Structure formats: structure tokens, C-alpha cells
N, C-alpha and C. Protein backbone atom coordinates (compact mmCIF):
# COMPACT_ATOMS: atom_id res chain seq x y z
N PRO A 1 106.22 91.06 149.02
CA PRO A 1 105.46 90.15 148.21
C PRO A 1 104.25 89.63 148.96
N ASN A 2 103.14 89.32 148.19
CA ASN A 2 101.90 88.81 148.77
C ASN A 2 102.15 87.29 149.03
N PRO A 3 102.08 86.92 150.27
CA PRO A 3 102.20 85.42 150.56
C PRO A 3 101.16 84.64 150.13
N HIS A 4 99.99 85.25 149.66
CA HIS A 4 98.86 84.39 149.15
C HIS A 4 98.43 84.96 147.84
N ALA A 5 99.54 85.23 146.96
CA ALA A 5 99.34 85.65 145.53
C ALA A 5 98.53 84.49 144.99
N GLY A 6 97.49 84.95 144.01
CA GLY A 6 96.70 83.81 143.41
C GLY A 6 95.45 83.62 144.26
N THR A 7 95.30 84.11 145.41
CA THR A 7 94.06 83.97 146.20
C THR A 7 93.33 85.29 146.01
N LEU A 8 92.06 85.38 145.77
CA LEU A 8 91.27 86.51 145.63
C LEU A 8 90.70 86.83 146.96
N TYR A 9 91.13 88.07 147.39
CA TYR A 9 90.64 88.55 148.74
C TYR A 9 90.79 90.05 148.77
N LEU A 10 90.00 90.57 149.61
CA LEU A 10 90.07 92.09 149.87
C LEU A 10 90.85 92.59 151.12
N ALA A 11 91.57 93.56 150.90
CA ALA A 11 92.33 94.15 152.14
C ALA A 11 91.73 95.53 152.22
N ARG A 12 91.49 95.95 153.38
CA ARG A 12 90.91 97.34 153.71
C ARG A 12 91.86 98.11 154.71
N PHE A 13 92.14 99.32 154.39
CA PHE A 13 92.85 100.23 155.31
C PHE A 13 91.82 101.34 155.66
N THR A 14 91.68 101.61 157.00
CA THR A 14 90.74 102.74 157.33
C THR A 14 91.60 103.75 158.10
N ALA A 15 91.55 104.92 157.64
CA ALA A 15 92.36 106.03 158.40
C ALA A 15 91.28 106.91 159.12
N PRO A 16 90.88 106.68 160.25
CA PRO A 16 89.76 107.40 160.92
C PRO A 16 90.12 108.86 161.41
N GLU A 17 91.45 109.13 161.29
CA GLU A 17 91.81 110.47 161.82
C GLU A 17 92.69 111.20 160.59
N PHE A 18 92.21 111.03 159.47
CA PHE A 18 93.04 111.58 158.29
C PHE A 18 92.92 113.15 158.34
N THR A 19 93.88 113.96 158.29
CA THR A 19 93.82 115.31 158.34
C THR A 19 94.72 115.85 157.11
N SER A 20 94.36 117.14 156.67
CA SER A 20 94.98 117.93 155.82
C SER A 20 94.76 119.44 156.21
N ILE A 21 95.16 120.25 155.33
CA ILE A 21 94.88 121.71 155.49
C ILE A 21 94.17 122.26 154.37
N CYS A 22 93.16 123.08 154.77
CA CYS A 22 92.40 123.91 153.68
C CYS A 22 93.48 124.80 152.96
N PRO A 23 93.54 124.77 151.68
CA PRO A 23 94.49 125.65 151.08
C PRO A 23 94.07 127.16 150.97
N VAL A 24 92.92 127.32 151.28
CA VAL A 24 92.41 128.82 151.24
C VAL A 24 92.53 129.47 152.70
N THR A 25 92.05 128.76 153.82
CA THR A 25 91.95 129.35 155.07
C THR A 25 93.18 128.92 155.93
N GLY A 26 93.76 127.72 155.60
CA GLY A 26 94.96 127.25 156.39
C GLY A 26 94.41 126.43 157.64
N GLN A 27 93.06 126.28 157.72
CA GLN A 27 92.49 125.55 158.77
C GLN A 27 92.53 124.04 158.61
N PRO A 28 92.61 123.28 159.64
CA PRO A 28 92.66 121.80 159.54
C PRO A 28 91.35 121.27 158.93
N ASP A 29 91.48 120.19 158.16
CA ASP A 29 90.30 119.34 157.69
C ASP A 29 90.46 117.98 158.06
N PHE A 30 89.37 117.38 158.58
CA PHE A 30 89.34 116.03 159.13
C PHE A 30 88.34 115.19 158.38
N GLY A 31 88.80 113.93 158.13
CA GLY A 31 87.98 113.06 157.45
C GLY A 31 88.42 111.54 157.68
N VAL A 32 87.66 110.67 157.18
CA VAL A 32 87.98 109.25 157.25
C VAL A 32 88.23 108.77 155.82
N LEU A 33 89.38 108.07 155.59
CA LEU A 33 89.70 107.62 154.34
C LEU A 33 89.56 106.10 154.45
N VAL A 34 88.96 105.44 153.52
CA VAL A 34 88.77 103.94 153.43
C VAL A 34 89.35 103.54 152.16
N LEU A 35 90.46 102.70 152.12
CA LEU A 35 91.02 102.17 150.92
C LEU A 35 90.97 100.75 150.90
N ASP A 36 90.27 100.19 149.79
CA ASP A 36 90.06 98.76 149.58
C ASP A 36 90.87 98.39 148.37
N TYR A 37 91.46 97.10 148.47
CA TYR A 37 92.12 96.63 147.34
C TYR A 37 92.24 95.21 147.35
N ALA A 38 92.32 94.60 146.16
CA ALA A 38 92.43 93.11 145.98
C ALA A 38 93.93 92.84 145.75
N PRO A 39 94.78 92.36 146.68
CA PRO A 39 96.19 92.09 146.49
C PRO A 39 96.33 91.08 145.54
N ARG A 40 97.40 91.36 144.60
CA ARG A 40 97.79 90.49 143.55
C ARG A 40 99.20 90.01 144.03
N ASP A 41 100.31 90.52 143.24
CA ASP A 41 101.63 90.03 143.60
C ASP A 41 102.35 90.68 144.81
N TRP A 42 101.60 91.88 145.16
CA TRP A 42 102.25 92.75 146.26
C TRP A 42 101.12 93.12 147.24
N ILE A 43 101.44 93.35 148.51
CA ILE A 43 100.69 93.85 149.52
C ILE A 43 101.17 95.27 150.00
N VAL A 44 100.32 96.08 150.54
CA VAL A 44 100.74 97.26 151.19
C VAL A 44 101.11 97.05 152.48
N GLU A 45 102.34 97.61 152.82
CA GLU A 45 102.91 97.65 154.28
C GLU A 45 102.18 98.71 155.06
N SER A 46 101.56 98.37 156.12
CA SER A 46 100.60 99.23 156.84
C SER A 46 101.57 100.47 157.43
N LYS A 47 102.66 100.27 157.89
CA LYS A 47 103.29 101.46 158.55
C LYS A 47 103.85 102.35 157.48
N SER A 48 104.21 101.91 156.36
CA SER A 48 104.39 102.89 155.24
C SER A 48 103.35 103.72 154.76
N LEU A 49 102.14 102.89 154.71
CA LEU A 49 100.80 103.62 154.32
C LEU A 49 100.58 104.75 155.38
N LYS A 50 100.63 104.34 156.67
CA LYS A 50 100.31 105.29 157.64
C LYS A 50 101.22 106.49 157.68
N LEU A 51 102.46 106.39 157.40
CA LEU A 51 103.47 107.40 157.36
C LEU A 51 103.15 108.40 156.08
N PHE A 52 102.75 107.64 154.99
CA PHE A 52 102.41 108.50 153.88
C PHE A 52 101.22 109.40 154.14
N LEU A 53 100.07 108.58 154.56
CA LEU A 53 98.85 109.38 154.93
C LEU A 53 99.08 110.47 155.97
N GLN A 54 99.97 110.22 156.92
CA GLN A 54 100.28 111.41 157.91
C GLN A 54 101.05 112.58 157.21
N SER A 55 101.64 112.30 156.06
CA SER A 55 102.34 113.34 155.40
C SER A 55 101.37 114.52 154.98
N PHE A 56 100.20 114.13 154.79
CA PHE A 56 99.13 115.09 154.37
C PHE A 56 98.72 116.13 155.39
N ARG A 57 99.15 115.85 156.64
CA ARG A 57 98.72 116.72 157.84
C ARG A 57 99.06 118.13 157.64
N ASN A 58 100.02 118.49 156.95
CA ASN A 58 100.48 119.79 156.66
C ASN A 58 100.43 120.10 155.12
N HIS A 59 99.60 119.35 154.38
CA HIS A 59 99.58 119.60 153.04
C HIS A 59 98.13 120.29 152.76
N GLY A 60 98.33 121.41 152.01
CA GLY A 60 97.22 122.28 151.71
C GLY A 60 96.47 121.72 150.29
N ALA A 61 95.30 121.21 150.38
CA ALA A 61 94.54 120.71 149.29
C ALA A 61 93.17 120.54 149.56
N PHE A 62 92.36 120.72 148.53
CA PHE A 62 90.90 120.38 148.60
C PHE A 62 90.64 119.06 148.80
N HIS A 63 89.43 118.83 149.41
CA HIS A 63 89.05 117.38 149.77
C HIS A 63 89.24 116.39 148.51
N GLU A 64 88.65 116.86 147.35
CA GLU A 64 88.83 116.02 146.23
C GLU A 64 90.19 115.76 145.79
N ASP A 65 91.01 116.79 145.81
CA ASP A 65 92.43 116.52 145.50
C ASP A 65 93.23 115.60 146.38
N CYS A 66 92.99 115.80 147.71
CA CYS A 66 93.66 114.94 148.64
C CYS A 66 93.19 113.41 148.47
N THR A 67 91.92 113.18 148.40
CA THR A 67 91.49 111.93 148.15
C THR A 67 91.96 111.19 146.91
N ILE A 68 91.90 111.83 145.81
CA ILE A 68 92.49 111.29 144.46
C ILE A 68 93.93 111.19 144.50
N SER A 69 94.70 112.16 145.12
CA SER A 69 96.01 112.09 145.21
C SER A 69 96.52 110.95 145.92
N VAL A 70 95.87 110.68 147.12
CA VAL A 70 96.24 109.42 147.80
C VAL A 70 95.96 108.15 146.97
N ALA A 71 94.80 108.10 146.34
CA ALA A 71 94.48 106.94 145.58
C ALA A 71 95.42 106.71 144.45
N LYS A 72 95.75 107.76 143.68
CA LYS A 72 96.70 107.62 142.58
C LYS A 72 98.02 107.13 143.09
N ARG A 73 98.62 107.67 144.14
CA ARG A 73 99.88 107.11 144.57
C ARG A 73 99.84 105.70 145.04
N VAL A 74 98.78 105.29 145.71
CA VAL A 74 98.58 103.83 146.16
C VAL A 74 98.48 103.00 144.90
N VAL A 75 97.56 103.47 143.98
CA VAL A 75 97.25 102.58 142.86
C VAL A 75 98.49 102.32 141.94
N ALA A 76 99.47 103.29 142.10
CA ALA A 76 100.75 103.07 141.32
C ALA A 76 101.43 101.83 141.84
N ALA A 77 101.28 101.40 143.10
CA ALA A 77 102.00 100.20 143.64
C ALA A 77 101.02 98.92 143.53
N ILE A 78 99.84 99.15 143.72
CA ILE A 78 98.89 98.02 143.67
C ILE A 78 97.54 98.28 142.91
N ASP A 79 96.80 97.29 142.42
CA ASP A 79 95.57 97.45 141.68
C ASP A 79 94.76 96.21 141.77
N PRO A 80 93.47 96.22 141.86
CA PRO A 80 92.64 97.46 141.75
C PRO A 80 92.49 98.09 143.06
N LEU A 81 91.80 99.21 143.05
CA LEU A 81 91.66 100.00 144.36
C LEU A 81 90.52 100.90 144.29
N ARG A 82 89.79 100.89 145.44
CA ARG A 82 88.75 101.88 145.53
C ARG A 82 89.03 102.65 146.78
N ILE A 83 88.64 104.03 146.84
CA ILE A 83 88.71 104.76 147.87
C ILE A 83 87.47 105.58 148.18
N GLY A 84 87.29 105.68 149.43
CA GLY A 84 86.22 106.53 149.83
C GLY A 84 86.78 107.65 150.94
N GLY A 85 86.51 108.83 150.52
CA GLY A 85 86.99 110.00 151.48
C GLY A 85 85.76 110.54 152.20
N TYR A 86 85.58 110.44 153.19
CA TYR A 86 84.38 110.92 154.02
C TYR A 86 84.73 112.12 154.97
N TRP A 87 84.60 113.31 154.38
CA TRP A 87 85.15 114.38 155.02
C TRP A 87 84.10 115.24 155.81
N ASN A 88 84.59 115.69 157.01
CA ASN A 88 83.92 116.36 158.02
C ASN A 88 83.41 117.81 157.36
N PRO A 89 82.34 118.32 157.67
CA PRO A 89 81.89 119.60 157.18
C PRO A 89 82.94 120.70 157.18
N ARG A 90 82.93 121.40 156.04
CA ARG A 90 83.74 122.67 155.93
C ARG A 90 83.00 123.75 155.42
N GLY A 91 82.81 124.71 156.10
CA GLY A 91 81.69 125.80 155.69
C GLY A 91 80.34 125.33 155.72
N GLY A 92 80.13 124.38 156.61
CA GLY A 92 78.67 123.85 156.72
C GLY A 92 78.33 122.79 155.67
N MET A 93 79.29 122.34 154.89
CA MET A 93 78.90 121.39 153.83
C MET A 93 79.94 120.27 153.92
N PRO A 94 79.44 119.00 154.16
CA PRO A 94 80.35 117.87 154.09
C PRO A 94 80.57 117.50 152.55
N ILE A 95 81.73 116.95 152.36
CA ILE A 95 82.23 116.51 150.96
C ILE A 95 82.64 115.06 151.11
N ASP A 96 82.02 114.13 150.28
CA ASP A 96 82.51 112.90 150.24
C ASP A 96 83.02 112.53 148.84
N VAL A 97 84.11 111.93 148.71
CA VAL A 97 84.79 111.62 147.40
C VAL A 97 84.99 110.17 147.22
N PHE A 98 84.77 109.61 146.10
CA PHE A 98 84.84 108.20 145.81
C PHE A 98 85.47 108.04 144.33
N TRP A 99 86.30 107.07 144.37
CA TRP A 99 87.12 106.73 143.15
C TRP A 99 87.46 105.24 143.17
N GLN A 100 87.41 104.56 142.06
CA GLN A 100 87.93 103.28 141.87
C GLN A 100 88.44 103.12 140.58
N THR A 101 89.45 102.26 140.36
CA THR A 101 90.27 102.04 139.15
C THR A 101 89.41 101.29 138.03
N GLY A 102 88.31 100.59 138.42
CA GLY A 102 87.51 99.83 137.52
C GLY A 102 86.73 98.94 138.28
N ALA A 103 86.08 97.86 137.50
CA ALA A 103 85.24 96.97 138.15
C ALA A 103 86.06 95.99 139.04
N PRO A 104 85.49 95.65 140.22
CA PRO A 104 86.16 94.72 141.09
C PRO A 104 86.34 93.43 140.41
N PRO A 105 87.36 92.65 140.67
CA PRO A 105 87.51 91.26 140.07
C PRO A 105 86.25 90.45 140.46
N GLU A 106 85.89 89.57 139.51
CA GLU A 106 84.62 88.75 139.68
C GLU A 106 84.95 87.83 140.82
N GLY A 107 83.91 87.71 141.46
CA GLY A 107 83.90 86.90 142.70
C GLY A 107 84.46 87.46 144.00
N LEU A 108 84.93 88.74 143.96
CA LEU A 108 85.46 89.46 145.11
C LEU A 108 84.21 89.93 145.95
N TRP A 109 84.32 89.59 147.20
CA TRP A 109 83.32 90.13 148.25
C TRP A 109 83.76 91.59 148.58
N LEU A 110 82.96 92.51 148.13
CA LEU A 110 83.25 93.90 148.36
C LEU A 110 82.17 94.48 149.35
N PRO A 111 82.39 94.43 150.66
CA PRO A 111 81.45 95.03 151.56
C PRO A 111 81.32 96.48 151.42
N ASP A 112 80.32 96.97 152.09
CA ASP A 112 80.13 98.40 152.18
C ASP A 112 81.22 98.97 153.12
N GLN A 113 81.68 100.29 152.90
CA GLN A 113 82.69 100.75 153.49
C GLN A 113 82.47 101.08 155.04
N GLY A 114 81.19 101.13 155.38
CA GLY A 114 80.89 101.29 156.76
C GLY A 114 80.88 102.53 157.40
N VAL A 115 81.00 103.60 156.53
CA VAL A 115 81.12 104.99 157.02
C VAL A 115 79.93 105.58 156.56
N ALA A 116 79.09 106.16 157.44
CA ALA A 116 77.75 106.81 157.07
C ALA A 116 78.14 108.18 156.48
N THR A 117 77.33 108.54 155.54
CA THR A 117 77.57 110.00 154.96
C THR A 117 77.11 110.92 156.15
N TYR A 118 77.48 111.97 156.03
CA TYR A 118 77.21 113.02 157.14
C TYR A 118 75.63 113.24 157.32
N ARG A 119 75.27 113.33 158.67
CA ARG A 119 73.92 113.66 158.99
C ARG A 119 73.96 114.60 160.07
N ALA A 120 73.17 115.60 160.00
CA ALA A 120 73.08 116.56 161.07
C ALA A 120 72.34 115.82 162.35
N ARG A 121 72.31 116.61 163.30
CA ARG A 121 71.73 116.11 164.54
C ARG A 121 70.15 115.83 164.28
N GLY A 122 69.70 114.66 164.80
CA GLY A 122 68.30 114.40 164.54
C GLY A 122 67.91 112.95 164.61
């Protein structure tokens, strides 16, 4: 249970070493997942979330599917949520995936996720 239910605030989880497997080549994919949510009655237990995210290490899925699958499983427990999936290049092309359940609650401070989109050297 959220010890501060009724207080509007943002909680952010960042998984800087998120990995999954390419379903076509079987090669590993690496990315950064950033999950933001405004806790209501419940909060996310970080160790459970960490173990859940690590379960994708051997999961074969495209970047879009991985990002949205994580979001839908988490949003089933808490809401509202936004997720940014910042994936390293695969085949020379990075893929960033973003999703949110709806507009953030009025008055919620929603900072930038702090992960730059991919830029080549220069």
C-alpha cells in the first residue's frame, strides 16, 4: 500500500541495462526503459519490478512489443503510467518507443525522462 495515498507525486524507475533477444536473429538487444507513474493506493515494489524486467533477458520480441508488454503488465497494477523505451541500434537503426495511459493528473510535475535519443558520433 502507498503510505502517502492522496498525495500527488511522480515515481520513476529507470532500467539502464534492459535486455531482450531479437526474435529473428537471436542476438541480444540493449536499451534503457524509463517508467513513470503517479502512485495512488499502491506503489511498485522495486525488487519485484527488477526481477520482472530481467525476465525479458531471454525473451524474443521486437522493441515495440517488449516496451508495450512491460507497460501493459505494470499498468495492470498501477495507473497512470508512461514508459519510454530507448533502444540501441539494431541493423544500424535505433528505435525509441513511447506510450502512456492518458493525460497525467493535473498539477503533476512530469520531468523529461533524461535519456537522449540516439546520436551518431559527432
